[in-house]
Amino acid sequence: MSSDELKKHMSSSDTTPIWKIISVASIAAGVQFGWALQLSLLTPYVQLLGVSHAMSSLIWLCGPISGILVQPIVGYSSDRSKSRLGRRKPFIATGTTLICIAVLLIGFAADLGHNLGDDLTKKTKPRAVALFVIGFWILDIANNIVQDPSRAFLADLSRHNHKKMRLANGFFSFFMAVGNILGYAVGSLPASYKFLPFTKTTSCDTYCANLKTCFIVDIVFLLLVVVVPLFIVAEPEPESVHDDGVPFFAQVKTSFKNLGRPMWILFLVTAFNWIAWFPFIMFNTDWVGLEIYGGKPQGTEDQKRVYDMGVRAGSLGLMLTAATLGLMSLLIDPMSRMLGGARRTWGVVNFVLAAALICTLPITKSAERARRHLPPGTPPSSSIKTATLFLFAVTGIPQAATYSIPFALASMYSSDSGAGHGLSLGLMNLAICVPQMLVSLISGPWDSLFGGGNLPAFLLGGGSAIISGILALTIIPPSSANA
């Protein structure tokens, strides 16, 4: 049977029930719960341990570096795995275990650092920082180990059916939103440590204890959503990828050579899209605490207090982002049909992202002007808070497209070419990780060049979002975008 005949046969005989796709897609909620805590709480936390704002951006290099190395290797290996447990499940289980270890290491970094000799009277806690960084690296590696096989599992269950692939990626995006909402909601609580009072110690203050409590909750939630699909959803038999004995790097080289023009264009648009996103992802809650609320993580007690208030307000804003993301994830497919295809949808929402990033400038300037007439440590006015939260909510619209459209297209392209879903999605991740590395390297010096703060990187992201929107509208092939 030819490749085309096989795809036609599999599409017509597809019997995968939707509940199985939903069950596997729900893994995204567990991963994203921890990712939400990571995004909202860890940049402020590492600054509380004594790392400067400029240097904190370098810690985020571990995410893209691990993504570049781990996702293609995991994708390649899972495509060819002959484990009796399945191709994808062993990787999902291993990654989940590593996530649990990583978040415990991060959450207890201050306590462990103090036990190993950190002086609590000093600004920088070097041992706690070292443990934090190790945990951060393990966490990002583990997230990549889980996420790529989970998406590949969904592609396997879709069995070359493009409509089901779009639906599966839509559900994956929806559950990412669910995980975000829960993670940001827990992260925004002012005294979550009271549920687990033992988390507050001499070396771990209220903010640290809250973070520790959140990560313990994360472990419980992650295990709940991962264990169910691992036990009740059987993996389909491999259909198109076989162990041909070709070494990994040779296979990657061949895959790059055989990538069609649509995939290269998809890489390019995705790269500019993530140059736009990553500054905001790294520093959104820090922006609220530092520039909207006027606090400082290493300032006076009043400045620390108001900074913490701003970080929690930013977590609330990210929860609104996630709520919008969840709604838009269910609407992205009908919206694409209404706008004439994924190309137009992706292009339009990139302009929405650009507008949101650019609007951080007037909101920040308004907050700064208002603070001149207020006593130190006073939170911003309700109108500035509302504008900030509205901006966060709006970013959920383009985020829904970012989390679904490129991955759906990549699954379609790999399915059409007969390539393995795992390796193809791993290569797709390079278009995300390389821009993240670039942003991590330049955002600190770039912000410092313009006087510090987060606005320079945000405005750079706004310009990149405009470029990404233009490219999506003009060079993504219409036939592929409408597939």
Protein backbone atom coordinates (compact mmCIF):
# COMPACT_ATOMS: atom_id res chain seq x y z
CA MET A 1 0.00 0.00 0.00
CA SER A 2 1.39 3.42 -0.97
CA SER A 3 1.90 6.25 1.51
CA ASP A 4 -1.09 8.16 0.14
CA GLU A 5 -3.28 5.05 0.22
CA LEU A 6 -2.20 4.37 3.80
CA LYS A 7 -3.13 7.90 4.90
CA LYS A 8 -6.47 7.68 3.12
CA HIS A 9 -7.17 4.31 4.72
CA MET A 10 -6.19 5.47 8.19
CA SER A 11 -8.25 8.66 7.84
CA SER A 12 -11.35 6.75 6.77
CA SER A 13 -10.95 4.03 9.41
CA ASP A 14 -10.06 6.33 12.31
CA THR A 15 -11.94 5.23 15.40
CA THR A 16 -10.07 7.11 18.13
CA PRO A 17 -12.77 8.45 20.47
CA ILE A 18 -12.62 12.09 21.49
CA TRP A 19 -12.42 11.21 25.20
CA LYS A 20 -8.99 9.64 24.63
CA ILE A 21 -7.72 12.78 22.92
CA ILE A 22 -9.12 14.91 25.74
CA SER A 23 -7.51 12.66 28.35
CA VAL A 24 -4.04 12.91 26.75
CA ALA A 25 -4.46 16.64 26.08
CA SER A 26 -5.18 17.16 29.79
CA ILE A 27 -1.52 16.38 30.53
CA ALA A 28 -0.90 19.94 29.32
CA ALA A 29 -2.83 21.24 32.35
CA GLY A 30 -0.40 19.57 34.74
CA VAL A 31 2.70 20.77 32.92
CA GLN A 32 1.33 24.27 32.51
CA PHE A 33 0.33 24.54 36.17
CA GLY A 34 4.01 24.36 37.08
CA TRP A 35 5.01 26.52 34.11
CA ALA A 36 2.57 29.21 35.29
CA LEU A 37 4.22 29.22 38.71
CA GLN A 38 7.61 29.35 37.03
CA LEU A 39 6.65 32.34 34.89
CA SER A 40 4.92 34.34 37.59
CA LEU A 41 7.02 33.65 40.68
CA LEU A 42 10.56 32.56 39.83
CA THR A 43 12.03 35.75 38.32
CA PRO A 44 11.03 37.74 41.45
CA TYR A 45 12.14 34.85 43.68
CA VAL A 46 15.66 34.62 42.24
CA GLN A 47 16.03 38.39 42.71
CA LEU A 48 15.05 37.95 46.36
CA LEU A 49 17.93 35.45 46.58
CA GLY A 50 20.25 38.24 45.46
CA VAL A 51 20.52 37.87 41.67
CA SER A 52 20.35 41.18 39.77
CA HIS A 53 17.57 41.98 37.29
CA ALA A 54 20.03 41.93 34.36
CA MET A 55 21.54 38.60 35.40
CA SER A 56 18.16 36.98 36.08
CA SER A 57 17.42 36.96 32.35
CA LEU A 58 20.46 34.71 31.78
CA ILE A 59 18.96 32.04 34.04
CA TRP A 60 16.15 31.71 31.51
CA LEU A 61 18.72 30.53 28.95
CA CYS A 62 18.30 27.03 30.35
CA GLY A 63 14.83 26.77 28.82
CA PRO A 64 15.79 27.33 25.17
CA ILE A 65 19.11 25.49 25.47
CA SER A 66 17.43 22.43 26.94
CA GLY A 67 14.70 22.72 24.31
CA ILE A 68 17.22 22.76 21.46
CA LEU A 69 18.99 19.67 22.79
CA VAL A 70 16.23 17.73 24.48
CA GLN A 71 13.13 18.01 22.30
CA PRO A 72 14.64 16.74 19.02
CA ILE A 73 16.41 13.89 20.85
CA VAL A 74 13.26 12.97 22.78
CA GLY A 75 11.16 13.26 19.61
CA TYR A 76 13.56 11.08 17.61
CA SER A 77 13.85 8.52 20.42
CA SER A 78 10.12 8.31 21.06
CA ASP A 79 9.41 7.84 17.34
CA ARG A 80 11.68 4.78 17.39
CA SER A 81 11.07 3.46 20.90
CA LYS A 82 10.28 -0.26 21.09
CA SER A 83 9.40 -0.28 24.78
CA ARG A 84 6.59 -2.63 25.70
CA LEU A 85 5.09 0.34 27.57
CA GLY A 86 4.74 2.30 24.33
CA ARG A 87 6.64 4.93 22.38
CA ARG A 88 5.46 8.06 24.19
CA LYS A 89 4.47 6.91 27.68
CA PRO A 90 7.96 6.12 29.06
CA PHE A 91 9.11 9.64 28.22
CA ILE A 92 6.00 11.25 29.73
CA ALA A 93 6.46 9.23 32.94
CA THR A 94 10.19 10.04 33.16
CA GLY A 95 9.63 13.73 32.55
CA THR A 96 6.89 13.86 35.17
CA THR A 97 9.20 12.32 37.78
CA LEU A 98 11.92 14.87 36.98
CA ILE A 99 9.42 17.76 37.25
CA CYS A 100 8.52 16.63 40.78
CA ILE A 101 12.20 16.49 41.77
CA ALA A 102 12.91 19.90 40.20
CA VAL A 103 10.10 21.81 41.89
CA LEU A 104 11.05 20.38 45.28
CA LEU A 105 14.64 21.51 44.72
CA ILE A 106 13.51 25.01 43.70
CA GLY A 107 10.98 25.35 46.49
CA PHE A 108 13.43 24.27 49.20
CA ALA A 109 16.47 26.05 47.70
CA ALA A 110 16.53 28.75 50.42
CA ASP A 111 16.30 26.19 53.23
CA LEU A 112 18.91 23.89 51.72
CA GLY A 113 21.20 26.84 50.96
CA HIS A 114 20.97 28.00 54.57
CA ASN A 115 21.71 24.48 55.85
CA LEU A 116 24.76 24.40 53.58
CA GLY A 117 26.10 27.68 54.94
CA ASP A 118 24.35 30.69 53.37
CA ASP A 119 24.50 33.81 55.55
CA LEU A 120 20.97 35.19 55.90
CA THR A 121 22.31 38.68 56.65
CA LYS A 122 23.91 38.98 53.23
CA LYS A 123 22.09 40.16 50.12
CA THR A 124 23.13 37.21 47.94
CA LYS A 125 22.60 33.60 48.98
CA PRO A 126 25.06 31.78 46.66
CA ARG A 127 24.25 28.21 47.66
CA ALA A 128 20.51 28.80 47.39
CA VAL A 129 21.03 30.43 43.98
CA ALA A 130 23.09 27.44 42.80
CA LEU A 131 20.42 24.98 43.94
CA PHE A 132 17.72 27.14 42.35
CA VAL A 133 19.55 27.19 39.01
CA ILE A 134 20.07 23.41 39.08
CA GLY A 135 16.38 22.89 39.81
CA PHE A 136 15.44 25.40 37.11
CA TRP A 137 17.50 23.49 34.53
CA ILE A 138 16.02 20.15 35.53
CA LEU A 139 12.52 21.63 35.39
CA ASP A 140 12.94 22.98 31.87
CA ILE A 141 14.49 19.73 30.65
CA ALA A 142 11.66 17.76 32.25
CA ASN A 143 8.98 20.01 30.73
CA ASN A 144 10.48 19.33 27.29
CA ILE A 145 10.60 15.59 27.96
CA VAL A 146 6.87 15.58 28.73
CA GLN A 147 5.54 18.13 26.26
CA ASP A 148 6.89 16.85 22.93
CA PRO A 149 5.82 13.19 23.44
CA SER A 150 2.41 14.40 24.66
CA ARG A 151 1.84 16.37 21.44
CA ALA A 152 3.20 13.44 19.41
CA PHE A 153 0.84 11.09 21.30
CA LEU A 154 -2.06 13.31 20.19
CA ALA A 155 -0.81 13.28 16.60
CA ASP A 156 -0.60 9.46 16.76
CA LEU A 157 -4.18 9.26 18.03
CA SER A 158 -5.33 11.60 15.23
CA ARG A 159 -4.12 9.07 12.62
CA HIS A 160 -3.39 11.51 9.74
CA ASN A 161 -6.81 13.16 10.10
CA HIS A 162 -6.10 16.90 9.72
CA LYS A 163 -9.40 17.94 11.28
CA LYS A 164 -8.72 15.78 14.32
CA MET A 165 -5.16 17.15 14.53
CA ARG A 166 -6.52 20.70 14.70
CA LEU A 167 -9.05 19.58 17.30
CA ALA A 168 -6.38 17.78 19.36
CA ASN A 169 -4.09 20.81 19.35
CA GLY A 170 -7.04 23.00 20.26
CA PHE A 171 -7.75 20.80 23.28
CA PHE A 172 -4.05 20.84 24.19
CA SER A 173 -4.11 24.64 24.08
CA PHE A 174 -7.33 24.66 26.13
CA PHE A 175 -5.80 22.53 28.86
CA MET A 176 -2.72 24.70 28.86
CA ALA A 177 -5.12 27.53 29.68
CA VAL A 178 -6.71 25.46 32.47
CA GLY A 179 -3.28 24.79 33.97
CA ASN A 180 -2.37 28.45 33.63
CA ILE A 181 -5.57 29.60 35.36
CA LEU A 182 -5.03 27.24 38.28
CA GLY A 183 -1.32 28.00 38.56
CA TYR A 184 -1.72 31.76 38.42
CA ALA A 185 -4.67 31.62 40.81
CA VAL A 186 -2.65 29.70 43.39
CA GLY A 187 0.39 31.94 42.78
CA SER A 188 -1.65 35.10 43.37
CA LEU A 189 -2.85 34.04 46.85
CA PRO A 190 -1.22 36.29 49.50
CA ALA A 191 -0.96 33.62 52.20
CA SER A 192 -1.17 30.18 50.59
CA TYR A 193 1.57 28.96 52.96
CA LYS A 194 -1.03 28.89 55.76
CA PHE A 195 -2.40 25.70 54.20
CA LEU A 196 1.04 24.15 54.85
CA PRO A 197 2.47 26.16 57.77
CA PHE A 198 5.69 24.13 57.91
CA THR A 199 6.83 25.78 54.66
CA LYS A 200 7.65 29.06 56.45
CA THR A 201 11.05 28.86 58.13
CA THR A 202 13.86 31.11 59.33
CA SER A 203 15.47 31.06 55.89
CA CYS A 204 12.22 31.04 53.92
CA ASP A 205 10.02 34.13 54.35
CA THR A 206 6.37 34.52 53.42
CA TYR A 207 7.01 34.90 49.69
CA CYS A 208 9.33 31.88 49.69
CA ALA A 209 6.85 29.82 51.75
CA ASN A 210 4.03 30.70 49.35
CA LEU A 211 6.18 29.54 46.42
CA LYS A 212 7.08 26.31 48.24
CA THR A 213 3.42 25.60 48.98
CA CYS A 214 2.44 26.26 45.36
CA PHE A 215 5.00 23.76 44.08
CA ILE A 216 3.83 21.05 46.50
CA VAL A 217 0.29 21.55 45.16
CA ASP A 218 1.77 21.41 41.65
CA ILE A 219 3.21 17.94 42.27
CA VAL A 220 -0.14 16.55 43.43
CA PHE A 221 -2.03 18.06 40.49
CA LEU A 222 0.54 16.93 37.91
CA LEU A 223 0.45 13.33 39.12
CA LEU A 224 -3.36 13.30 38.96
CA VAL A 225 -3.58 14.42 35.33
CA VAL A 226 -0.67 12.32 34.06
CA VAL A 227 -1.45 8.99 35.72
CA VAL A 228 -4.96 8.69 34.26
CA PRO A 229 -4.11 8.83 30.52
CA LEU A 230 -0.97 6.73 31.03
CA PHE A 231 -3.12 3.90 32.38
CA ILE A 232 -6.35 4.16 30.37
CA VAL A 233 -5.28 5.35 26.89
CA ALA A 234 -3.53 2.76 24.75
CA GLU A 235 -1.00 3.95 22.21
CA PRO A 236 -1.80 3.14 18.57
CA GLU A 237 0.59 0.98 16.61
CA PRO A 238 3.34 2.89 14.77
CA GLU A 239 2.20 3.65 11.23
CA SER A 240 4.94 5.42 9.30
CA VAL A 241 8.19 5.65 11.24
CA HIS A 242 10.45 2.64 11.68
CA ASP A 243 13.88 2.21 13.20
CA ASP A 244 15.98 2.45 10.04
CA GLY A 245 19.27 2.41 11.91
CA VAL A 246 20.11 5.99 10.93
CA PRO A 247 21.95 7.81 13.78
CA PHE A 248 20.18 10.72 15.41
CA PHE A 249 22.31 13.56 14.04
CA ALA A 250 22.28 12.05 10.55
CA GLN A 251 18.49 11.78 10.77
CA VAL A 252 18.22 15.42 11.88
CA LYS A 253 20.49 16.49 9.00
CA THR A 254 18.37 14.52 6.56
CA SER A 255 15.17 15.93 8.04
CA PHE A 256 16.45 19.48 7.62
CA LYS A 257 17.39 18.77 4.01
CA ASN A 258 13.97 17.30 3.30
CA LEU A 259 11.97 20.07 4.96
CA GLY A 260 9.62 21.59 2.45
CA ARG A 261 9.19 25.31 1.88
CA PRO A 262 6.00 25.48 4.04
CA MET A 263 7.88 24.14 7.08
CA TRP A 264 10.78 26.59 6.67
CA ILE A 265 8.30 29.45 6.39
CA LEU A 266 6.54 28.16 9.50
CA PHE A 267 9.89 28.18 11.34
CA LEU A 268 10.55 31.78 10.31
CA VAL A 269 7.16 33.13 11.38
CA THR A 270 7.33 31.17 14.64
CA ALA A 271 10.80 32.57 15.40
CA PHE A 272 9.67 36.20 15.12
CA ASN A 273 6.55 35.34 17.10
CA TRP A 274 8.64 34.06 20.02
CA ILE A 275 11.06 36.98 19.91
CA ALA A 276 7.92 39.01 20.59
CA TRP A 277 6.60 36.78 23.35
CA PHE A 278 9.64 35.91 25.42
CA PRO A 279 10.48 39.31 26.99
CA PHE A 280 6.93 39.55 28.31
CA ILE A 281 6.98 35.92 29.46
CA MET A 282 10.20 36.47 31.41
CA PHE A 283 9.38 39.78 33.05
CA ASN A 284 5.60 40.33 33.12
CA THR A 285 5.12 40.03 36.90
CA ASP A 286 8.42 41.82 37.53
CA TRP A 287 7.14 44.65 35.31
CA VAL A 288 4.00 45.00 37.43
CA GLY A 289 5.90 44.91 40.72
CA LEU A 290 8.76 47.17 39.60
CA GLU A 291 7.25 49.67 37.19
CA ILE A 292 3.51 49.68 37.82
CA TYR A 293 3.60 49.37 41.63
CA GLY A 294 6.99 51.07 42.05
CA GLY A 295 8.45 48.40 44.33
CA LYS A 296 11.93 46.90 44.52
CA PRO A 297 12.82 43.29 45.36
CA GLN A 298 15.97 44.44 47.21
CA GLY A 299 14.73 47.81 48.53
CA THR A 300 13.26 49.01 51.81
CA GLU A 301 10.57 47.04 53.61
CA ASP A 302 7.88 49.24 52.03
CA GLN A 303 9.40 48.75 48.58
CA LYS A 304 9.61 44.99 49.07
CA ARG A 305 6.01 44.90 50.30
CA VAL A 306 4.65 46.84 47.35
CA TYR A 307 6.78 44.82 44.93
CA ASP A 308 5.25 41.62 46.31
CA MET A 309 1.80 43.18 45.88
CA GLY A 310 2.66 43.93 42.26
CA VAL A 311 3.91 40.39 41.60
CA ARG A 312 0.65 38.98 42.98
CA ALA A 313 -1.33 41.45 40.86
CA GLY A 314 0.69 40.27 37.86
CA SER A 315 -0.21 36.68 38.73
CA LEU A 316 -3.86 37.70 38.74
CA GLY A 317 -3.32 39.31 35.34
CA LEU A 318 -1.77 36.09 34.04
CA MET A 319 -4.82 34.23 35.30
CA LEU A 320 -6.93 36.54 33.13
CA THR A 321 -4.56 35.82 30.23
CA ALA A 322 -5.17 32.13 30.77
CA ALA A 323 -8.95 32.59 30.93
CA THR A 324 -8.90 34.41 27.59
CA LEU A 325 -6.57 31.73 26.23
CA GLY A 326 -8.99 28.98 27.26
CA LEU A 327 -11.94 30.69 25.58
CA MET A 328 -9.99 31.49 22.41
CA SER A 329 -8.60 27.94 22.19
CA LEU A 330 -12.14 26.70 21.67
CA LEU A 331 -12.84 29.46 19.11
CA ILE A 332 -9.60 29.36 17.12
CA ASP A 333 -10.84 26.83 14.56
CA PRO A 334 -14.16 28.60 13.77
CA MET A 335 -12.32 31.94 13.78
CA SER A 336 -9.85 30.59 11.21
CA ARG A 337 -12.72 29.53 8.99
CA MET A 338 -14.36 32.93 9.37
CA LEU A 339 -11.14 34.85 8.60
CA GLY A 340 -10.19 32.63 5.67
CA GLY A 341 -7.59 30.35 7.20
CA ALA A 342 -4.94 29.98 9.88
CA ARG A 343 -2.58 32.32 8.03
CA ARG A 344 -4.91 35.29 8.40
CA THR A 345 -5.86 34.39 11.96
CA TRP A 346 -2.22 34.16 13.05
CA GLY A 347 -1.37 37.39 11.25
CA VAL A 348 -4.23 39.37 12.80
CA VAL A 349 -3.60 38.20 16.37
CA ASN A 350 0.11 39.04 16.05
CA PHE A 351 -0.93 42.66 15.56
CA VAL A 352 -3.03 42.32 18.73
CA LEU A 353 0.11 41.11 20.54
CA ALA A 354 2.12 44.02 19.15
CA ALA A 355 -0.48 46.52 20.35
CA ALA A 356 -0.50 44.99 23.84
CA LEU A 357 3.29 45.10 24.17
CA ILE A 358 3.48 48.68 22.93
CA CYS A 359 0.74 49.71 25.37
CA THR A 360 3.01 48.76 28.29
CA LEU A 361 4.74 52.10 27.66
CA PRO A 362 1.80 54.50 28.27
CA ILE A 363 0.55 52.43 31.22
CA THR A 364 3.99 52.54 32.83
CA LYS A 365 4.37 56.28 32.27
CA SER A 366 0.92 56.88 33.77
CA ALA A 367 1.86 54.87 36.86
CA GLU A 368 5.14 56.78 37.23
CA ARG A 369 3.40 60.16 36.98
CA ALA A 370 0.80 59.14 39.57
CA ARG A 371 3.46 57.98 42.06
CA ARG A 372 5.00 61.45 42.17
CA HIS A 373 1.96 62.66 44.09
CA LEU A 374 1.58 59.66 46.41
CA PRO A 375 3.40 58.59 49.60
CA PRO A 376 6.11 55.91 49.09
CA GLY A 377 4.74 52.36 49.10
CA THR A 378 1.28 53.38 47.87
CA PRO A 379 -0.23 50.99 45.28
CA PRO A 380 -1.37 52.46 41.94
CA SER A 381 -4.86 53.76 41.34
CA SER A 382 -7.73 51.50 40.37
CA SER A 383 -7.70 52.85 36.79
CA ILE A 384 -4.03 51.91 36.31
CA LYS A 385 -4.64 48.49 37.86
CA THR A 386 -7.61 47.96 35.53
CA ALA A 387 -5.60 48.97 32.46
CA THR A 388 -2.80 46.59 33.47
CA LEU A 389 -5.15 43.67 34.04
CA PHE A 390 -6.97 44.40 30.77
CA LEU A 391 -3.65 44.28 28.92
CA PHE A 392 -2.91 40.86 30.43
CA ALA A 393 -6.36 39.61 29.43
CA VAL A 394 -5.90 40.76 25.83
CA THR A 395 -2.64 38.82 25.45
CA GLY A 396 -4.63 35.59 25.80
CA ILE A 397 -6.03 36.16 22.30
CA PRO A 398 -2.71 35.87 20.43
CA GLN A 399 -1.49 33.26 22.91
CA ALA A 400 -4.23 30.86 21.81
CA ALA A 401 -2.95 31.07 18.23
CA THR A 402 0.70 30.70 19.31
CA TYR A 403 -0.07 27.53 21.29
CA SER A 404 -2.13 25.84 18.59
CA ILE A 405 -1.73 27.03 14.98
CA PRO A 406 2.02 26.39 14.43
CA PHE A 407 1.88 22.97 16.09
CA ALA A 408 -1.19 21.94 14.11
CA LEU A 409 0.53 23.00 10.88
CA ALA A 410 3.73 21.18 11.84
CA SER A 411 1.75 17.98 12.55
CA MET A 412 0.03 18.28 9.18
CA TYR A 413 3.29 18.84 7.30
CA SER A 414 4.99 15.89 9.02
CA SER A 415 1.97 13.69 8.39
CA ASP A 416 1.86 14.63 4.71
CA SER A 417 5.58 13.88 4.30
CA GLY A 418 5.50 10.63 6.28
CA ALA A 419 7.98 11.94 8.85
CA GLY A 420 7.80 11.07 12.53
CA HIS A 421 5.61 13.38 14.57
CA GLY A 422 8.04 13.36 17.49
CA LEU A 423 11.11 14.44 15.52
CA SER A 424 9.17 16.95 13.41
CA LEU A 425 7.72 18.65 16.48
CA GLY A 426 11.16 18.56 18.08
CA LEU A 427 12.65 20.38 15.09
CA MET A 428 9.73 22.81 15.24
CA ASN A 429 10.81 23.59 18.79
CA LEU A 430 14.12 24.95 17.46
CA ALA A 431 12.18 27.88 15.99
CA ILE A 432 10.98 28.61 19.53
CA CYS A 433 14.17 27.95 21.48
CA VAL A 434 16.68 29.84 19.34
CA PRO A 435 14.72 33.13 19.64
CA GLN A 436 14.37 32.53 23.38
CA MET A 437 18.16 32.18 23.67
CA LEU A 438 18.61 35.41 21.75
CA VAL A 439 16.16 37.26 23.97
CA SER A 440 17.67 35.81 27.16
CA LEU A 441 21.13 36.98 26.09
CA ILE A 442 20.25 40.49 24.98
CA SER A 443 17.26 41.53 27.09
CA GLY A 444 19.28 42.33 30.24
CA PRO A 445 21.95 44.43 28.45
CA TRP A 446 19.29 45.90 26.15
CA ASP A 447 17.18 47.06 29.09
CA SER A 448 20.28 48.42 30.87
CA LEU A 449 21.28 50.35 27.75
CA PHE A 450 18.04 52.32 28.00
CA GLY A 451 18.18 52.93 31.74
CA GLY A 452 16.96 49.61 33.14
CA GLY A 453 13.45 48.28 33.61
CA ASN A 454 11.51 46.06 31.25
CA LEU A 455 10.07 48.46 28.68
CA PRO A 456 12.91 48.33 26.12
CA ALA A 457 12.59 44.55 25.77
CA PHE A 458 8.77 44.79 25.62
CA LEU A 459 8.92 47.37 22.82
CA LEU A 460 11.44 45.25 20.94
CA GLY A 461 8.94 42.41 21.25
CA GLY A 462 6.19 44.63 19.88
CA GLY A 463 8.25 45.32 16.76
CA SER A 464 8.93 41.61 16.30
CA ALA A 465 5.20 40.83 16.63
CA ILE A 466 4.47 43.26 13.79
CA ILE A 467 7.05 41.49 11.59
CA SER A 468 5.60 38.10 12.50
CA GLY A 469 2.09 39.29 11.64
CA ILE A 470 3.17 40.64 8.25
CA LEU A 471 5.03 37.41 7.42
CA ALA A 472 2.07 35.26 8.47
CA LEU A 473 -0.25 37.22 6.17
CA THR A 474 2.08 37.30 3.18
CA ILE A 475 4.35 34.25 2.96
CA ILE A 476 2.62 31.29 4.64
CA PRO A 477 1.08 29.37 1.71
CA PRO A 478 -2.72 29.82 1.76
CA SER A 479 -3.32 26.19 0.87
CA SER A 480 -1.29 25.00 3.88
CA ALA A 481 -2.82 27.55 6.22
CA ASN A 482 -6.30 26.41 5.24
CA ALA A 483 -5.50 22.74 5.53
